Each structure stands twice: as C-alpha cells, then as structure tokens.
Full PDB file with SEQRES, HELIX, SHEET, SSBOND, CRYST1, ORIGX, SCALE, CONECT and MASTER records, all heavy atoms in Angstrom:
SEQRES   1 A   33  GLU VAL ARG TYR GLN ARG ASP LYS GLU HIS ALA HIS GLU          
SEQRES   2 A   33  PRO GLY ARG SER ARG VAL TYR PHE ALA PRO THR ASP LEU          
SEQRES   3 A   33  GLY ARG GLU ILE LEU ALA THR                                  
HELIX    1 AA1 LYS A    8  HIS A   10  5                                   3    
HELIX    2 AA2 ASP A   25  LEU A   31  1                                   7    
SHEET    1 AA1 2 VAL A   2  GLN A   5  0                                        
SHEET    2 AA1 2 ARG A  18  PHE A  21 -1                                        
CRYST1    1.000    1.000    1.000  90.00  90.00  90.00 P 1           1          
ORIGX1      1.000000  0.000000  0.000000        0.00000                         
ORIGX2      0.000000  1.000000  0.000000        0.00000                         
ORIGX3      0.000000  0.000000  1.000000        0.00000                         
SCALE1      1.000000  0.000000  0.000000        0.00000                         
SCALE2      0.000000  1.000000  0.000000        0.00000                         
SCALE3      0.000000  0.000000  1.000000        0.00000                         
ATOM      1  N   GLU A   1     -34.322 231.875 142.134  1.00  0.00           N  
ATOM      2  CA  GLU A   1     -35.647 231.331 141.885  1.00  0.00           C  
ATOM      3  C   GLU A   1     -36.303 232.111 140.763  1.00  0.00           C  
ATOM      4  O   GLU A   1     -35.994 233.281 140.552  1.00  0.00           O  
ATOM      5  CB  GLU A   1     -36.512 231.384 143.140  1.00  0.00           C  
ATOM      6  CG  GLU A   1     -36.829 232.778 143.617  1.00  0.00           C  
ATOM      7  CD  GLU A   1     -37.621 232.806 144.911  1.00  0.00           C  
ATOM      8  OE1 GLU A   1     -37.695 231.770 145.606  1.00  0.00           O  
ATOM      9  OE2 GLU A   1     -38.181 233.866 145.219  1.00  0.00           O  
ATOM     10  N   VAL A   2     -37.173 231.443 140.040  1.00  0.00           N  
ATOM     11  CA  VAL A   2     -37.885 232.066 138.932  1.00  0.00           C  
ATOM     12  C   VAL A   2     -39.190 232.645 139.453  1.00  0.00           C  
ATOM     13  O   VAL A   2     -39.871 232.025 140.269  1.00  0.00           O  
ATOM     14  CB  VAL A   2     -38.179 231.029 137.820  1.00  0.00           C  
ATOM     15  CG1 VAL A   2     -39.134 231.588 136.786  1.00  0.00           C  
ATOM     16  CG2 VAL A   2     -36.896 230.597 137.160  1.00  0.00           C  
ATOM     17  N   ARG A   3     -39.493 233.825 138.972  1.00  0.00           N  
ATOM     18  CA  ARG A   3     -40.773 234.462 139.267  1.00  0.00           C  
ATOM     19  C   ARG A   3     -41.368 234.937 137.950  1.00  0.00           C  
ATOM     20  O   ARG A   3     -40.695 235.582 137.160  1.00  0.00           O  
ATOM     21  CB  ARG A   3     -40.592 235.660 140.201  1.00  0.00           C  
ATOM     22  CG  ARG A   3     -40.082 235.280 141.558  1.00  0.00           C  
ATOM     23  CD  ARG A   3     -39.992 236.483 142.435  1.00  0.00           C  
ATOM     24  NE  ARG A   3     -39.364 236.147 143.699  1.00  0.00           N  
ATOM     25  CZ  ARG A   3     -38.952 237.037 144.572  1.00  0.00           C  
ATOM     26  NH1 ARG A   3     -39.097 238.325 144.305  1.00  0.00           N  
ATOM     27  NH2 ARG A   3     -38.400 236.663 145.697  1.00  0.00           N  
ATOM     28  N   TYR A   4     -42.613 234.602 137.742  1.00  0.00           N  
ATOM     29  CA  TYR A   4     -43.312 235.080 136.562  1.00  0.00           C  
ATOM     30  C   TYR A   4     -44.154 236.271 136.986  1.00  0.00           C  
ATOM     31  O   TYR A   4     -44.993 236.151 137.872  1.00  0.00           O  
ATOM     32  CB  TYR A   4     -44.198 233.969 135.973  1.00  0.00           C  
ATOM     33  CG  TYR A   4     -43.387 232.817 135.456  1.00  0.00           C  
ATOM     34  CD1 TYR A   4     -43.130 231.704 136.247  1.00  0.00           C  
ATOM     35  CD2 TYR A   4     -42.859 232.846 134.170  1.00  0.00           C  
ATOM     36  CE1 TYR A   4     -42.371 230.644 135.770  1.00  0.00           C  
ATOM     37  CE2 TYR A   4     -42.097 231.793 133.684  1.00  0.00           C  
ATOM     38  CZ  TYR A   4     -41.865 230.704 134.496  1.00  0.00           C  
ATOM     39  OH  TYR A   4     -41.107 229.668 134.015  1.00  0.00           O  
ATOM     40  N   GLN A   5     -43.870 237.410 136.395  1.00  0.00           N  
ATOM     41  CA  GLN A   5     -44.604 238.612 136.768  1.00  0.00           C  
ATOM     42  C   GLN A   5     -44.710 239.556 135.577  1.00  0.00           C  
ATOM     43  O   GLN A   5     -43.995 239.428 134.602  1.00  0.00           O  
ATOM     44  CB  GLN A   5     -43.951 239.299 137.967  1.00  0.00           C  
ATOM     45  CG  GLN A   5     -42.508 239.697 137.772  1.00  0.00           C  
ATOM     46  CD  GLN A   5     -41.843 240.114 139.073  1.00  0.00           C  
ATOM     47  OE1 GLN A   5     -41.958 239.428 140.075  1.00  0.00           O  
ATOM     48  NE2 GLN A   5     -41.164 241.237 139.044  1.00  0.00           N  
ATOM     49  N   ARG A   6     -45.583 240.488 135.718  1.00  0.00           N  
ATOM     50  CA  ARG A   6     -45.796 241.479 134.674  1.00  0.00           C  
ATOM     51  C   ARG A   6     -44.914 242.681 134.966  1.00  0.00           C  
ATOM     52  O   ARG A   6     -44.611 242.979 136.108  1.00  0.00           O  
ATOM     53  CB  ARG A   6     -47.260 241.910 134.670  1.00  0.00           C  
ATOM     54  CG  ARG A   6     -48.201 240.719 134.671  1.00  0.00           C  
ATOM     55  CD  ARG A   6     -48.971 240.445 133.427  1.00  0.00           C  
ATOM     56  NE  ARG A   6     -49.381 241.547 132.650  1.00  0.00           N  
ATOM     57  CZ  ARG A   6     -50.576 242.129 132.701  1.00  0.00           C  
ATOM     58  NH1 ARG A   6     -51.476 241.675 133.540  1.00  0.00           N  
ATOM     59  NH2 ARG A   6     -50.868 243.113 131.897  1.00  0.00           N  
ATOM     60  N   ASP A   7     -44.514 243.376 133.914  1.00  0.00           N  
ATOM     61  CA  ASP A   7     -43.753 244.612 134.090  1.00  0.00           C  
ATOM     62  C   ASP A   7     -44.584 245.604 134.884  1.00  0.00           C  
ATOM     63  O   ASP A   7     -45.787 245.746 134.650  1.00  0.00           O  
ATOM     64  CB  ASP A   7     -43.406 245.244 132.732  1.00  0.00           C  
ATOM     65  CG  ASP A   7     -42.330 244.481 132.002  1.00  0.00           C  
ATOM     66  OD1 ASP A   7     -41.513 243.837 132.674  1.00  0.00           O  
ATOM     67  OD2 ASP A   7     -42.305 244.545 130.764  1.00  0.00           O  
ATOM     68  N   LYS A   8     -43.960 246.300 135.801  1.00  0.00           N  
ATOM     69  CA  LYS A   8     -44.690 247.260 136.638  1.00  0.00           C  
ATOM     70  C   LYS A   8     -45.350 248.356 135.814  1.00  0.00           C  
ATOM     71  O   LYS A   8     -46.458 248.779 136.098  1.00  0.00           O  
ATOM     72  CB  LYS A   8     -43.748 247.852 137.680  1.00  0.00           C  
ATOM     73  CG  LYS A   8     -43.323 246.846 138.706  1.00  0.00           C  
ATOM     74  CD  LYS A   8     -42.328 247.398 139.678  1.00  0.00           C  
ATOM     75  CE  LYS A   8     -41.936 246.281 140.625  1.00  0.00           C  
ATOM     76  NZ  LYS A   8     -40.660 246.418 141.203  1.00  0.00           N  
ATOM     77  N   GLU A   9     -44.655 248.821 134.768  1.00  0.00           N  
ATOM     78  CA  GLU A   9     -45.224 249.913 133.975  1.00  0.00           C  
ATOM     79  C   GLU A   9     -46.389 249.465 133.091  1.00  0.00           C  
ATOM     80  O   GLU A   9     -47.153 250.273 132.606  1.00  0.00           O  
ATOM     81  CB  GLU A   9     -44.146 250.602 133.118  1.00  0.00           C  
ATOM     82  CG  GLU A   9     -43.466 249.703 132.127  1.00  0.00           C  
ATOM     83  CD  GLU A   9     -42.199 249.048 132.658  1.00  0.00           C  
ATOM     84  OE1 GLU A   9     -41.946 249.118 133.871  1.00  0.00           O  
ATOM     85  OE2 GLU A   9     -41.474 248.461 131.841  1.00  0.00           O  
ATOM     86  N   HIS A  10     -46.546 248.140 132.896  1.00  0.00           N  
ATOM     87  CA  HIS A  10     -47.637 247.624 132.075  1.00  0.00           C  
ATOM     88  C   HIS A  10     -48.569 246.716 132.877  1.00  0.00           C  
ATOM     89  O   HIS A  10     -49.329 245.949 132.298  1.00  0.00           O  
ATOM     90  CB  HIS A  10     -47.082 246.841 130.884  1.00  0.00           C  
ATOM     91  CG  HIS A  10     -46.196 247.652 129.995  1.00  0.00           C  
ATOM     92  ND1 HIS A  10     -46.665 248.674 129.216  1.00  0.00           N  
ATOM     93  CD2 HIS A  10     -44.866 247.615 129.788  1.00  0.00           C  
ATOM     94  CE1 HIS A  10     -45.672 249.220 128.546  1.00  0.00           C  
ATOM     95  NE2 HIS A  10     -44.556 248.598 128.888  1.00  0.00           N  
ATOM     96  N   ALA A  11     -48.540 246.812 134.177  1.00  0.00           N  
ATOM     97  CA  ALA A  11     -49.303 245.891 135.024  1.00  0.00           C  
ATOM     98  C   ALA A  11     -50.812 246.008 134.805  1.00  0.00           C  
ATOM     99  O   ALA A  11     -51.538 245.029 134.959  1.00  0.00           O  
ATOM    100  CB  ALA A  11     -48.971 246.134 136.491  1.00  0.00           C  
ATOM    101  N   HIS A  12     -51.285 247.180 134.429  1.00  0.00           N  
ATOM    102  CA  HIS A  12     -52.724 247.375 134.250  1.00  0.00           C  
ATOM    103  C   HIS A  12     -53.209 246.952 132.858  1.00  0.00           C  
ATOM    104  O   HIS A  12     -54.400 246.897 132.609  1.00  0.00           O  
ATOM    105  CB  HIS A  12     -53.080 248.837 134.495  1.00  0.00           C  
ATOM    106  CG  HIS A  12     -52.418 249.779 133.526  1.00  0.00           C  
ATOM    107  ND1 HIS A  12     -51.090 250.091 133.613  1.00  0.00           N  
ATOM    108  CD2 HIS A  12     -52.901 250.421 132.435  1.00  0.00           C  
ATOM    109  CE1 HIS A  12     -50.782 250.923 132.618  1.00  0.00           C  
ATOM    110  NE2 HIS A  12     -51.854 251.133 131.890  1.00  0.00           N  
ATOM    111  N   GLU A  13     -52.293 246.625 131.962  1.00  0.00           N  
ATOM    112  CA  GLU A  13     -52.637 246.233 130.597  1.00  0.00           C  
ATOM    113  C   GLU A  13     -52.664 244.716 130.473  1.00  0.00           C  
ATOM    114  O   GLU A  13     -51.936 244.018 131.163  1.00  0.00           O  
ATOM    115  CB  GLU A  13     -51.608 246.790 129.611  1.00  0.00           C  
ATOM    116  CG  GLU A  13     -51.502 248.286 129.609  1.00  0.00           C  
ATOM    117  CD  GLU A  13     -50.331 248.795 128.771  1.00  0.00           C  
ATOM    118  OE1 GLU A  13     -49.736 247.997 128.011  1.00  0.00           O  
ATOM    119  OE2 GLU A  13     -50.014 249.980 128.893  1.00  0.00           O  
ATOM    120  N   PRO A  14     -53.508 244.203 129.571  1.00  0.00           N  
ATOM    121  CA  PRO A  14     -53.485 242.754 129.359  1.00  0.00           C  
ATOM    122  C   PRO A  14     -52.177 242.330 128.703  1.00  0.00           C  
ATOM    123  O   PRO A  14     -51.548 243.102 127.991  1.00  0.00           O  
ATOM    124  CB  PRO A  14     -54.673 242.503 128.424  1.00  0.00           C  
ATOM    125  CG  PRO A  14     -55.015 243.817 127.828  1.00  0.00           C  
ATOM    126  CD  PRO A  14     -54.489 244.887 128.744  1.00  0.00           C  
ATOM    127  N   GLY A  15     -51.808 241.124 128.931  1.00  0.00           N  
ATOM    128  CA  GLY A  15     -50.567 240.605 128.359  1.00  0.00           C  
ATOM    129  C   GLY A  15     -50.032 239.480 129.205  1.00  0.00           C  
ATOM    130  O   GLY A  15     -50.559 239.166 130.263  1.00  0.00           O  
ATOM    131  N   ARG A  16     -48.951 238.902 128.750  1.00  0.00           N  
ATOM    132  CA  ARG A  16     -48.422 237.767 129.485  1.00  0.00           C  
ATOM    133  C   ARG A  16     -47.287 238.175 130.421  1.00  0.00           C  
ATOM    134  O   ARG A  16     -46.665 239.221 130.251  1.00  0.00           O  
ATOM    135  CB  ARG A  16     -47.975 236.669 128.562  1.00  0.00           C  
ATOM    136  CG  ARG A  16     -47.092 237.101 127.453  1.00  0.00           C  
ATOM    137  CD  ARG A  16     -46.830 235.948 126.531  1.00  0.00           C  
ATOM    138  NE  ARG A  16     -45.481 236.123 126.028  1.00  0.00           N  
ATOM    139  CZ  ARG A  16     -44.925 235.387 125.124  1.00  0.00           C  
ATOM    140  NH1 ARG A  16     -45.569 234.385 124.620  1.00  0.00           N  
ATOM    141  NH2 ARG A  16     -43.711 235.628 124.726  1.00  0.00           N  
ATOM    142  N   SER A  17     -47.038 237.308 131.355  1.00  0.00           N  
ATOM    143  CA  SER A  17     -45.974 237.526 132.333  1.00  0.00           C  
ATOM    144  C   SER A  17     -44.616 237.289 131.697  1.00  0.00           C  
ATOM    145  O   SER A  17     -44.497 236.587 130.698  1.00  0.00           O  
ATOM    146  CB  SER A  17     -46.141 236.574 133.515  1.00  0.00           C  
ATOM    147  OG  SER A  17     -47.365 236.794 134.145  1.00  0.00           O  
ATOM    148  N   ARG A  18     -43.604 237.857 132.313  1.00  0.00           N  
ATOM    149  CA  ARG A  18     -42.225 237.658 131.873  1.00  0.00           C  
ATOM    150  C   ARG A  18     -41.471 236.895 132.957  1.00  0.00           C  
ATOM    151  O   ARG A  18     -41.878 236.863 134.103  1.00  0.00           O  
ATOM    152  CB  ARG A  18     -41.559 239.011 131.626  1.00  0.00           C  
ATOM    153  CG  ARG A  18     -42.195 239.746 130.462  1.00  0.00           C  
ATOM    154  CD  ARG A  18     -41.646 241.131 130.283  1.00  0.00           C  
ATOM    155  NE  ARG A  18     -40.212 241.087 130.012  1.00  0.00           N  
ATOM    156  CZ  ARG A  18     -39.468 242.173 129.855  1.00  0.00           C  
ATOM    157  NH1 ARG A  18     -39.989 243.365 129.945  1.00  0.00           N  
ATOM    158  NH2 ARG A  18     -38.179 242.069 129.615  1.00  0.00           N  
ATOM    159  N   VAL A  19     -40.355 236.311 132.563  1.00  0.00           N  
ATOM    160  CA  VAL A  19     -39.540 235.526 133.493  1.00  0.00           C  
ATOM    161  C   VAL A  19     -38.551 236.460 134.196  1.00  0.00           C  
ATOM    162  O   VAL A  19     -37.776 237.152 133.546  1.00  0.00           O  
ATOM    163  CB  VAL A  19     -38.758 234.424 132.753  1.00  0.00           C  
ATOM    164  CG1 VAL A  19     -37.886 233.638 133.712  1.00  0.00           C  
ATOM    165  CG2 VAL A  19     -39.703 233.510 132.007  1.00  0.00           C  
ATOM    166  N   TYR A  20     -38.605 236.454 135.504  1.00  0.00           N  
ATOM    167  CA  TYR A  20     -37.673 237.222 136.333  1.00  0.00           C  
ATOM    168  C   TYR A  20     -36.942 236.254 137.252  1.00  0.00           C  
ATOM    169  O   TYR A  20     -37.443 235.174 137.552  1.00  0.00           O  
ATOM    170  CB  TYR A  20     -38.432 238.256 137.176  1.00  0.00           C  
ATOM    171  CG  TYR A  20     -38.936 239.432 136.379  1.00  0.00           C  
ATOM    172  CD1 TYR A  20     -40.068 239.329 135.588  1.00  0.00           C  
ATOM    173  CD2 TYR A  20     -38.266 240.645 136.412  1.00  0.00           C  
ATOM    174  CE1 TYR A  20     -40.529 240.410 134.848  1.00  0.00           C  
ATOM    175  CE2 TYR A  20     -38.713 241.738 135.687  1.00  0.00           C  
ATOM    176  CZ  TYR A  20     -39.846 241.609 134.908  1.00  0.00           C  
ATOM    177  OH  TYR A  20     -40.289 242.678 134.178  1.00  0.00           O  
ATOM    178  N   PHE A  21     -35.784 236.680 137.708  1.00  0.00           N  
ATOM    179  CA  PHE A  21     -34.976 235.843 138.601  1.00  0.00           C  
ATOM    180  C   PHE A  21     -34.671 236.612 139.880  1.00  0.00           C  
ATOM    181  O   PHE A  21     -34.355 237.802 139.834  1.00  0.00           O  
ATOM    182  CB  PHE A  21     -33.670 235.443 137.916  1.00  0.00           C  
ATOM    183  CG  PHE A  21     -33.875 234.538 136.746  1.00  0.00           C  
ATOM    184  CD1 PHE A  21     -34.115 235.046 135.474  1.00  0.00           C  
ATOM    185  CD2 PHE A  21     -33.848 233.161 136.905  1.00  0.00           C  
ATOM    186  CE1 PHE A  21     -34.314 234.210 134.394  1.00  0.00           C  
ATOM    187  CE2 PHE A  21     -34.046 232.318 135.825  1.00  0.00           C  
ATOM    188  CZ  PHE A  21     -34.284 232.842 134.568  1.00  0.00           C  
ATOM    189  N   ALA A  22     -34.762 235.921 141.000  1.00  0.00           N  
ATOM    190  CA  ALA A  22     -34.451 236.512 142.300  1.00  0.00           C  
ATOM    191  C   ALA A  22     -33.504 235.582 143.045  1.00  0.00           C  
ATOM    192  O   ALA A  22     -33.620 234.360 142.945  1.00  0.00           O  
ATOM    193  CB  ALA A  22     -35.723 236.716 143.122  1.00  0.00           C  
ATOM    194  N   PRO A  23     -32.564 236.133 143.798  1.00  0.00           N  
ATOM    195  CA  PRO A  23     -31.638 235.280 144.550  1.00  0.00           C  
ATOM    196  C   PRO A  23     -32.356 234.578 145.703  1.00  0.00           C  
ATOM    197  O   PRO A  23     -33.264 235.132 146.305  1.00  0.00           O  
ATOM    198  CB  PRO A  23     -30.593 236.263 145.074  1.00  0.00           C  
ATOM    199  CG  PRO A  23     -31.283 237.582 145.101  1.00  0.00           C  
ATOM    200  CD  PRO A  23     -32.298 237.556 143.999  1.00  0.00           C  
ATOM    201  N   THR A  24     -31.939 233.366 145.979  1.00  0.00           N  
ATOM    202  CA  THR A  24     -32.453 232.648 147.145  1.00  0.00           C  
ATOM    203  C   THR A  24     -31.541 232.952 148.332  1.00  0.00           C  
ATOM    204  O   THR A  24     -30.464 233.546 148.173  1.00  0.00           O  
ATOM    205  CB  THR A  24     -32.459 231.129 146.886  1.00  0.00           C  
ATOM    206  OG1 THR A  24     -31.109 230.707 146.662  1.00  0.00           O  
ATOM    207  CG2 THR A  24     -33.340 230.767 145.706  1.00  0.00           C  
ATOM    208  N   ASP A  25     -31.951 232.529 149.508  1.00  0.00           N  
ATOM    209  CA  ASP A  25     -31.085 232.685 150.681  1.00  0.00           C  
ATOM    210  C   ASP A  25     -29.766 231.949 150.473  1.00  0.00           C  
ATOM    211  O   ASP A  25     -28.705 232.447 150.831  1.00  0.00           O  
ATOM    212  CB  ASP A  25     -31.776 232.168 151.945  1.00  0.00           C  
ATOM    213  CG  ASP A  25     -32.930 233.054 152.388  1.00  0.00           C  
ATOM    214  OD1 ASP A  25     -32.980 234.233 151.964  1.00  0.00           O  
ATOM    215  OD2 ASP A  25     -33.793 232.566 153.144  1.00  0.00           O  
ATOM    216  N   LEU A  26     -29.852 230.755 149.881  1.00  0.00           N  
ATOM    217  CA  LEU A  26     -28.643 229.985 149.597  1.00  0.00           C  
ATOM    218  C   LEU A  26     -27.737 230.751 148.637  1.00  0.00           C  
ATOM    219  O   LEU A  26     -26.518 230.791 148.816  1.00  0.00           O  
ATOM    220  CB  LEU A  26     -29.009 228.619 149.014  1.00  0.00           C  
ATOM    221  CG  LEU A  26     -27.854 227.690 148.653  1.00  0.00           C  
ATOM    222  CD1 LEU A  26     -27.025 227.335 149.886  1.00  0.00           C  
ATOM    223  CD2 LEU A  26     -28.387 226.431 147.984  1.00  0.00           C  
ATOM    224  N   GLY A  27     -28.317 231.372 147.628  1.00  0.00           N  
ATOM    225  CA  GLY A  27     -27.542 232.168 146.686  1.00  0.00           C  
ATOM    226  C   GLY A  27     -26.826 233.319 147.358  1.00  0.00           C  
ATOM    227  O   GLY A  27     -25.659 233.604 147.075  1.00  0.00           O  
ATOM    228  N   ARG A  28     -27.532 234.000 148.258  1.00  0.00           N  
ATOM    229  CA  ARG A  28     -26.901 235.111 148.992  1.00  0.00           C  
ATOM    230  C   ARG A  28     -25.782 234.600 149.900  1.00  0.00           C  
ATOM    231  O   ARG A  28     -24.754 235.233 150.046  1.00  0.00           O  
ATOM    232  CB  ARG A  28     -27.949 235.875 149.797  1.00  0.00           C  
ATOM    233  CG  ARG A  28     -28.906 236.668 148.933  1.00  0.00           C  
ATOM    234  CD  ARG A  28     -29.910 237.439 149.792  1.00  0.00           C  
ATOM    235  NE  ARG A  28     -30.951 238.038 148.999  1.00  0.00           N  
ATOM    236  CZ  ARG A  28     -30.854 239.184 148.348  1.00  0.00           C  
ATOM    237  NH1 ARG A  28     -29.732 239.867 148.397  1.00  0.00           N  
ATOM    238  NH2 ARG A  28     -31.872 239.662 147.649  1.00  0.00           N  
ATOM    239  N   GLU A  29     -26.007 233.438 150.509  1.00  0.00           N  
ATOM    240  CA  GLU A  29     -24.993 232.869 151.407  1.00  0.00           C  
ATOM    241  C   GLU A  29     -23.722 232.497 150.661  1.00  0.00           C  
ATOM    242  O   GLU A  29     -22.621 232.712 151.165  1.00  0.00           O  
ATOM    243  CB  GLU A  29     -25.544 231.641 152.130  1.00  0.00           C  
ATOM    244  CG  GLU A  29     -26.476 231.976 153.258  1.00  0.00           C  
ATOM    245  CD  GLU A  29     -26.988 230.740 153.969  1.00  0.00           C  
ATOM    246  OE1 GLU A  29     -26.214 229.763 154.116  1.00  0.00           O  
ATOM    247  OE2 GLU A  29     -28.151 230.758 154.383  1.00  0.00           O  
ATOM    248  N   ILE A  30     -23.875 231.942 149.475  1.00  0.00           N  
ATOM    249  CA  ILE A  30     -22.682 231.502 148.745  1.00  0.00           C  
ATOM    250  C   ILE A  30     -21.809 232.690 148.368  1.00  0.00           C  
ATOM    251  O   ILE A  30     -20.594 232.588 148.307  1.00  0.00           O  
ATOM    252  CB  ILE A  30     -23.031 230.647 147.519  1.00  0.00           C  
ATOM    253  CG1 ILE A  30     -21.802 229.849 147.103  1.00  0.00           C  
ATOM    254  CG2 ILE A  30     -23.531 231.478 146.365  1.00  0.00           C  
ATOM    255  CD1 ILE A  30     -22.074 228.749 146.139  1.00  0.00           C  
ATOM    256  N   LEU A  31     -22.420 233.843 148.137  1.00  0.00           N  
ATOM    257  CA  LEU A  31     -21.625 235.036 147.812  1.00  0.00           C  
ATOM    258  C   LEU A  31     -20.852 235.546 149.026  1.00  0.00           C  
ATOM    259  O   LEU A  31     -19.840 236.219 148.872  1.00  0.00           O  
ATOM    260  CB  LEU A  31     -22.523 236.145 147.272  1.00  0.00           C  
ATOM    261  CG  LEU A  31     -23.072 235.900 145.878  1.00  0.00           C  
ATOM    262  CD1 LEU A  31     -23.989 237.043 145.474  1.00  0.00           C  
ATOM    263  CD2 LEU A  31     -21.971 235.714 144.863  1.00  0.00           C  
ATOM    264  N   ALA A  32     -21.320 235.209 150.206  1.00  0.00           N  
ATOM    265  CA  ALA A  32     -20.658 235.666 151.423  1.00  0.00           C  
ATOM    266  C   ALA A  32     -19.526 234.742 151.861  1.00  0.00           C  
ATOM    267  O   ALA A  32     -18.795 235.061 152.794  1.00  0.00           O  
ATOM    268  CB  ALA A  32     -21.685 235.784 152.552  1.00  0.00           C  
ATOM    269  N   THR A  33     -19.350 233.602 151.184  1.00  0.00           N  
ATOM    270  CA  THR A  33     -18.315 232.659 151.587  1.00  0.00           C  
ATOM    271  C   THR A  33     -16.943 233.103 151.106  1.00  0.00           C  
ATOM    272  O   THR A  33     -16.806 233.798 150.121  1.00  0.00           O  
ATOM    273  CB  THR A  33     -18.599 231.248 151.043  1.00  0.00           C  
ATOM    274  OG1 THR A  33     -18.639 231.309 149.631  1.00  0.00           O  
ATOM    275  CG2 THR A  33     -19.880 230.700 151.608  1.00  0.00           C  
TER     276      THR A  33                                                      
MASTER        0    0    0    2    2    0    0    6  275    1    0    3          
END                                                                             
C-alpha cells in the first residue's frame, strides 16, 4: 500500500510528503506460501 508521509528527520519543517510503500497482509501472506 502507498503511504504519503514526511521524512522523520524533516517532519517539523515545511515541505511536501514523499511516497512510501508498506506491505499489506496479503503481501506478507504470499511470501509465506
């Protein structure tokens, strides 16, 4: 899944979010097959 978030080290500064990716439950399950 896509998550738009700010870098932790720059969270207090103005600026735009970056695109991050996180595994879904389905993604984790497929690796276990």
